[in-house]
Amino acid sequence: MVRILKENSTGELLINPDNKTFGRSAYICKSKECLTKVMKKNKLSKILKANISENLIKEIESVLN
């Protein structure tokens, strides 16, 4: 699973942060199909309550490979 976190203090979106970082988080399974489904229905931005940039999507895809 890949953890995506919106940091509580700064609002920054992080991929696979350490366990000591607090904030709103979402988990995606390690397959491109999961990422496609999540992005198609805009679920990730709804869960994290943040806009998801294209750069972040590319970073997530690189972690999945």
PDB file of N, CA and C in Angstrom:
ATOM      1  N   MET A   1       0.842  -1.184   0.000  1.00  0.00           N
ATOM      2  CA  MET A   1       0.000   0.000   0.000  1.00  0.00           C
ATOM      3  C   MET A   1       0.890   1.251   0.000  1.00  0.00           C
ATOM      4  N   VAL A   2       0.431   2.249  -0.702  1.00  0.00           N
ATOM      5  CA  VAL A   2       1.122   3.529  -0.765  1.00  0.00           C
ATOM      6  C   VAL A   2       0.320   4.522   0.068  1.00  0.00           C
ATOM      7  N   ARG A   3       0.984   5.178   0.993  1.00  0.00           N
ATOM      8  CA  ARG A   3       0.325   6.158   1.857  1.00  0.00           C
ATOM      9  C   ARG A   3       0.562   7.556   1.301  1.00  0.00           C
ATOM     10  N   ILE A   4      -0.519   8.303   1.146  1.00  0.00           N
ATOM     11  CA  ILE A   4      -0.444   9.693   0.718  1.00  0.00           C
ATOM     12  C   ILE A   4      -1.011  10.524   1.853  1.00  0.00           C
ATOM     13  N   LEU A   5      -0.246  11.488   2.297  1.00  0.00           N
ATOM     14  CA  LEU A   5      -0.594  12.247   3.492  1.00  0.00           C
ATOM     15  C   LEU A   5      -0.654  13.734   3.194  1.00  0.00           C
ATOM     16  N   LYS A   6      -1.670  14.384   3.714  1.00  0.00           N
ATOM     17  CA  LYS A   6      -1.735  15.844   3.711  1.00  0.00           C
ATOM     18  C   LYS A   6      -1.315  16.271   5.110  1.00  0.00           C
ATOM     19  N   GLU A   7      -0.117  16.849   5.195  1.00  0.00           N
ATOM     20  CA  GLU A   7       0.451  17.201   6.494  1.00  0.00           C
ATOM     21  C   GLU A   7      -0.429  18.220   7.201  1.00  0.00           C
ATOM     22  N   ASN A   8      -0.632  17.998   8.487  1.00  0.00           N
ATOM     23  CA  ASN A   8      -1.545  18.818   9.278  1.00  0.00           C
ATOM     24  C   ASN A   8      -1.090  20.269   9.391  1.00  0.00           C
ATOM     25  N   SER A   9       0.176  20.506   9.626  1.00  0.00           N
ATOM     26  CA  SER A   9       0.648  21.869   9.891  1.00  0.00           C
ATOM     27  C   SER A   9       0.839  22.697   8.623  1.00  0.00           C
ATOM     28  N   THR A  10       1.289  22.085   7.526  1.00  0.00           N
ATOM     29  CA  THR A  10       1.595  22.853   6.318  1.00  0.00           C
ATOM     30  C   THR A  10       0.623  22.630   5.177  1.00  0.00           C
ATOM     31  N   GLY A  11      -0.122  21.525   5.181  1.00  0.00           N
ATOM     32  CA  GLY A  11      -1.020  21.207   4.094  1.00  0.00           C
ATOM     33  C   GLY A  11      -0.316  20.589   2.897  1.00  0.00           C
ATOM     34  N   GLU A  12       0.984  20.269   3.059  1.00  0.00           N
ATOM     35  CA  GLU A  12       1.773  19.684   1.985  1.00  0.00           C
ATOM     36  C   GLU A  12       1.379  18.220   1.789  1.00  0.00           C
ATOM     37  N   LEU A  13       1.341  17.775   0.539  1.00  0.00           N
ATOM     38  CA  LEU A  13       1.027  16.385   0.232  1.00  0.00           C
ATOM     39  C   LEU A  13       2.316  15.585   0.130  1.00  0.00           C
ATOM     40  N   LEU A  14       2.401  14.492   0.883  1.00  0.00           N
ATOM     41  CA  LEU A  14       3.593  13.659   0.940  1.00  0.00           C
ATOM     42  C   LEU A  14       3.243  12.228   0.564  1.00  0.00           C
ATOM     43  N   ILE A  15       4.199  11.531  -0.051  1.00  0.00           N
ATOM     44  CA  ILE A  15       4.022  10.120  -0.387  1.00  0.00           C
ATOM     45  C   ILE A  15       4.910   9.301   0.526  1.00  0.00           C
ATOM     46  N   ASN A  16       4.312   8.307   1.171  1.00  0.00           N
ATOM     47  CA  ASN A  16       5.007   7.409   2.105  1.00  0.00           C
ATOM     48  C   ASN A  16       5.823   8.153   3.163  1.00  0.00           C
ATOM     49  N   PRO A  17       5.204   9.032   3.933  1.00  0.00           N
ATOM     50  CA  PRO A  17       5.947   9.713   5.003  1.00  0.00           C
ATOM     51  C   PRO A  17       6.205   8.763   6.162  1.00  0.00           C
ATOM     52  N   ASP A  18       7.022   9.217   7.098  1.00  0.00           N
ATOM     53  CA  ASP A  18       7.275   8.397   8.278  1.00  0.00           C
ATOM     54  C   ASP A  18       6.028   8.364   9.162  1.00  0.00           C
ATOM     55  N   ASN A  19       6.039   7.502  10.138  1.00  0.00           N
ATOM     56  CA  ASN A  19       4.873   7.341  11.013  1.00  0.00           C
ATOM     57  C   ASN A  19       4.719   8.474  12.015  1.00  0.00           C
ATOM     58  N   LYS A  20       5.692   9.367  12.104  1.00  0.00           N
ATOM     59  CA  LYS A  20       5.631  10.457  13.072  1.00  0.00           C
ATOM     60  C   LYS A  20       4.975  11.703  12.486  1.00  0.00           C
ATOM     61  N   THR A  21       4.653  11.688  11.201  1.00  0.00           N
ATOM     62  CA  THR A  21       4.011  12.825  10.559  1.00  0.00           C
ATOM     63  C   THR A  21       2.501  12.666  10.692  1.00  0.00           C
ATOM     64  N   PHE A  22       1.831  13.716  11.144  1.00  0.00           N
ATOM     65  CA  PHE A  22       0.395  13.649  11.373  1.00  0.00           C
ATOM     66  C   PHE A  22      -0.368  14.427  10.316  1.00  0.00           C
ATOM     67  N   GLY A  23      -1.555  13.950  10.022  1.00  0.00           N
ATOM     68  CA  GLY A  23      -2.413  14.626   9.072  1.00  0.00           C
ATOM     69  C   GLY A  23      -3.436  13.662   8.498  1.00  0.00           C
ATOM     70  N   ARG A  24      -4.148  14.124   7.507  1.00  0.00           N
ATOM     71  CA  ARG A  24      -5.162  13.320   6.831  1.00  0.00           C
ATOM     72  C   ARG A  24      -4.455  12.438   5.805  1.00  0.00           C
ATOM     73  N   SER A  25      -4.751  11.139   5.794  1.00  0.00           N
ATOM     74  CA  SER A  25      -4.036  10.262   4.877  1.00  0.00           C
ATOM     75  C   SER A  25      -4.991   9.347   4.128  1.00  0.00           C
ATOM     76  N   ALA A  26      -4.484   8.847   3.003  1.00  0.00           N
ATOM     77  CA  ALA A  26      -5.208   7.890   2.176  1.00  0.00           C
ATOM     78  C   ALA A  26      -4.216   6.824   1.743  1.00  0.00           C
ATOM     79  N   TYR A  27      -4.721   5.628   1.507  1.00  0.00           N
ATOM     80  CA  TYR A  27      -3.881   4.513   1.070  1.00  0.00           C
ATOM     81  C   TYR A  27      -4.372   4.021  -0.281  1.00  0.00           C
ATOM     82  N   ILE A  28      -3.410   3.712  -1.163  1.00  0.00           N
ATOM     83  CA  ILE A  28      -3.723   3.175  -2.480  1.00  0.00           C
ATOM     84  C   ILE A  28      -2.935   1.878  -2.633  1.00  0.00           C
ATOM     85  N   CYS A  29      -3.588   0.853  -3.173  1.00  0.00           N
ATOM     86  CA  CYS A  29      -2.863  -0.400  -3.401  1.00  0.00           C
ATOM     87  C   CYS A  29      -1.818  -0.189  -4.497  1.00  0.00           C
ATOM     88  N   LYS A  30      -0.834  -1.056  -4.546  1.00  0.00           N
ATOM     89  CA  LYS A  30       0.312  -0.881  -5.451  1.00  0.00           C
ATOM     90  C   LYS A  30       0.029  -1.428  -6.851  1.00  0.00           C
ATOM     91  N   SER A  31      -1.012  -0.915  -7.487  1.00  0.00           N
ATOM     92  CA  SER A  31      -1.270  -1.261  -8.886  1.00  0.00           C
ATOM     93  C   SER A  31      -1.775  -0.013  -9.604  1.00  0.00           C
ATOM     94  N   LYS A  32      -1.482   0.051 -10.878  1.00  0.00           N
ATOM     95  CA  LYS A  32      -1.901   1.218 -11.660  1.00  0.00           C
ATOM     96  C   LYS A  32      -3.415   1.264 -11.818  1.00  0.00           C
ATOM     97  N   GLU A  33      -4.074   0.103 -11.779  1.00  0.00           N
ATOM     98  CA  GLU A  33      -5.532   0.071 -11.885  1.00  0.00           C
ATOM     99  C   GLU A  33      -6.175   0.799 -10.706  1.00  0.00           C
ATOM    100  N   CYS A  34      -5.627   0.604  -9.518  1.00  0.00           N
ATOM    101  CA  CYS A  34      -6.162   1.293  -8.330  1.00  0.00           C
ATOM    102  C   CYS A  34      -6.015   2.803  -8.477  1.00  0.00           C
ATOM    103  N   LEU A  35      -4.853   3.233  -8.926  1.00  0.00           N
ATOM    104  CA  LEU A  35      -4.622   4.667  -9.105  1.00  0.00           C
ATOM    105  C   LEU A  35      -5.573   5.234 -10.151  1.00  0.00           C
ATOM    106  N   THR A  36      -5.792   4.502 -11.234  1.00  0.00           N
ATOM    107  CA  THR A  36      -6.690   4.962 -12.284  1.00  0.00           C
ATOM    108  C   THR A  36      -8.110   5.108 -11.757  1.00  0.00           C
ATOM    109  N   LYS A  37      -8.571   4.127 -10.988  1.00  0.00           N
ATOM    110  CA  LYS A  37      -9.922   4.181 -10.424  1.00  0.00           C
ATOM    111  C   LYS A  37     -10.079   5.355  -9.462  1.00  0.00           C
ATOM    112  N   VAL A  38      -9.081   5.549  -8.624  1.00  0.00           N
ATOM    113  CA  VAL A  38      -9.136   6.615  -7.622  1.00  0.00           C
ATOM    114  C   VAL A  38      -9.157   7.988  -8.300  1.00  0.00           C
ATOM    115  N   MET A  39      -8.334   8.154  -9.326  1.00  0.00           N
ATOM    116  CA  MET A  39      -8.255   9.447 -10.000  1.00  0.00           C
ATOM    117  C   MET A  39      -9.478   9.689 -10.892  1.00  0.00           C
ATOM    118  N   LYS A  40     -10.048   8.637 -11.457  1.00  0.00           N
ATOM    119  CA  LYS A  40     -11.215   8.772 -12.332  1.00  0.00           C
ATOM    120  C   LYS A  40     -12.411   9.313 -11.561  1.00  0.00           C
ATOM    121  N   LYS A  41     -12.597   8.843 -10.353  1.00  0.00           N
ATOM    122  CA  LYS A  41     -13.732   9.281  -9.541  1.00  0.00           C
ATOM    123  C   LYS A  41     -13.384  10.439  -8.612  1.00  0.00           C
ATOM    124  N   ASN A  42     -12.151  10.960  -8.717  1.00  0.00           N
ATOM    125  CA  ASN A  42     -11.700  12.109  -7.932  1.00  0.00           C
ATOM    126  C   ASN A  42     -11.754  11.832  -6.423  1.00  0.00           C
ATOM    127  N   LYS A  43     -11.599  10.572  -6.051  1.00  0.00           N
ATOM    128  CA  LYS A  43     -11.702  10.190  -4.644  1.00  0.00           C
ATOM    129  C   LYS A  43     -10.538  10.697  -3.805  1.00  0.00           C
ATOM    130  N   LEU A  44      -9.347  10.706  -4.389  1.00  0.00           N
ATOM    131  CA  LEU A  44      -8.170  11.109  -3.625  1.00  0.00           C
ATOM    132  C   LEU A  44      -8.280  12.552  -3.163  1.00  0.00           C
ATOM    133  N   SER A  45      -8.710  13.429  -4.032  1.00  0.00           N
ATOM    134  CA  SER A  45      -8.841  14.835  -3.633  1.00  0.00           C
ATOM    135  C   SER A  45      -9.974  15.029  -2.626  1.00  0.00           C
ATOM    136  N   LYS A  46     -11.018  14.213  -2.711  1.00  0.00           N
ATOM    137  CA  LYS A  46     -12.117  14.307  -1.744  1.00  0.00           C
ATOM    138  C   LYS A  46     -11.680  13.829  -0.362  1.00  0.00           C
ATOM    139  N   ILE A  47     -10.931  12.734  -0.326  1.00  0.00           N
ATOM    140  CA  ILE A  47     -10.477  12.177   0.951  1.00  0.00           C
ATOM    141  C   ILE A  47      -9.485  13.120   1.628  1.00  0.00           C
ATOM    142  N   LEU A  48      -8.521  13.614   0.849  1.00  0.00           N
ATOM    143  CA  LEU A  48      -7.484  14.481   1.414  1.00  0.00           C
ATOM    144  C   LEU A  48      -7.915  15.930   1.531  1.00  0.00           C
ATOM    145  N   LYS A  49      -9.042  16.258   0.923  1.00  0.00           N
ATOM    146  CA  LYS A  49      -9.546  17.640   0.909  1.00  0.00           C
ATOM    147  C   LYS A  49      -8.478  18.596   0.385  1.00  0.00           C
ATOM    148  N   ALA A  50      -7.915  18.221  -0.786  1.00  0.00           N
ATOM    149  CA  ALA A  50      -6.855  19.009  -1.417  1.00  0.00           C
ATOM    150  C   ALA A  50      -6.891  18.768  -2.924  1.00  0.00           C
ATOM    151  N   ASN A  51      -6.359  19.714  -3.663  1.00  0.00           N
ATOM    152  CA  ASN A  51      -6.216  19.540  -5.106  1.00  0.00           C
ATOM    153  C   ASN A  51      -4.994  18.676  -5.384  1.00  0.00           C
ATOM    154  N   ILE A  52      -5.162  17.706  -6.258  1.00  0.00           N
ATOM    155  CA  ILE A  52      -4.086  16.789  -6.597  1.00  0.00           C
ATOM    156  C   ILE A  52      -3.459  17.265  -7.912  1.00  0.00           C
ATOM    157  N   SER A  53      -2.176  17.570  -7.864  1.00  0.00           N
ATOM    158  CA  SER A  53      -1.485  18.076  -9.054  1.00  0.00           C
ATOM    159  C   SER A  53      -1.009  16.922  -9.936  1.00  0.00           C
ATOM    160  N   GLU A  54      -0.725  17.243 -11.184  1.00  0.00           N
ATOM    161  CA  GLU A  54      -0.204  16.247 -12.117  1.00  0.00           C
ATOM    162  C   GLU A  54       1.159  15.728 -11.655  1.00  0.00           C
ATOM    163  N   ASN A  55       1.957  16.599 -11.032  1.00  0.00           N
ATOM    164  CA  ASN A  55       3.274  16.189 -10.531  1.00  0.00           C
ATOM    165  C   ASN A  55       3.138  15.118  -9.453  1.00  0.00           C
ATOM    166  N   LEU A  56       2.160  15.279  -8.570  1.00  0.00           N
ATOM    167  CA  LEU A  56       1.945  14.294  -7.516  1.00  0.00           C
ATOM    168  C   LEU A  56       1.504  12.960  -8.109  1.00  0.00           C
ATOM    169  N   ILE A  57       0.666  13.003  -9.123  1.00  0.00           N
ATOM    170  CA  ILE A  57       0.216  11.774  -9.774  1.00  0.00           C
ATOM    171  C   ILE A  57       1.405  11.053 -10.400  1.00  0.00           C
ATOM    172  N   LYS A  58       2.296  11.800 -11.031  1.00  0.00           N
ATOM    173  CA  LYS A  58       3.488  11.192 -11.629  1.00  0.00           C
ATOM    174  C   LYS A  58       4.401  10.598 -10.553  1.00  0.00           C
ATOM    175  N   GLU A  59       4.506  11.258  -9.407  1.00  0.00           N
ATOM    176  CA  GLU A  59       5.316  10.722  -8.304  1.00  0.00           C
ATOM    177  C   GLU A  59       4.710   9.417  -7.784  1.00  0.00           C
ATOM    178  N   ILE A  60       3.388   9.375  -7.670  1.00  0.00           N
ATOM    179  CA  ILE A  60       2.722   8.162  -7.207  1.00  0.00           C
ATOM    180  C   ILE A  60       2.946   7.037  -8.209  1.00  0.00           C
ATOM    181  N   GLU A  61       2.848   7.343  -9.501  1.00  0.00           N
ATOM    182  CA  GLU A  61       3.075   6.331 -10.530  1.00  0.00           C
ATOM    183  C   GLU A  61       4.499   5.792 -10.465  1.00  0.00           C
ATOM    184  N   SER A  62       5.463   6.663 -10.188  1.00  0.00           N
ATOM    185  CA  SER A  62       6.856   6.197 -10.091  1.00  0.00           C
ATOM    186  C   SER A  62       7.053   5.302  -8.877  1.00  0.00           C
ATOM    187  N   VAL A  63       6.331   5.550  -7.797  1.00  0.00           N
ATOM    188  CA  VAL A  63       6.421   4.701  -6.607  1.00  0.00           C
ATOM    189  C   VAL A  63       5.777   3.336  -6.895  1.00  0.00           C
ATOM    190  N   LEU A  64       4.744   3.327  -7.699  1.00  0.00           N
ATOM    191  CA  LEU A  64       4.048   2.077  -8.023  1.00  0.00           C
ATOM    192  C   LEU A  64       4.897   1.163  -8.894  1.00  0.00           C
ATOM    193  N   ASN A  65       5.800   1.712  -9.662  1.00  0.00           N
ATOM    194  CA  ASN A  65       6.639   0.884 -10.564  1.00  0.00           C
ATOM    195  C   ASN A  65       7.748   0.200  -9.834  1.00  0.00           C
TER     196      ASN A  65
END
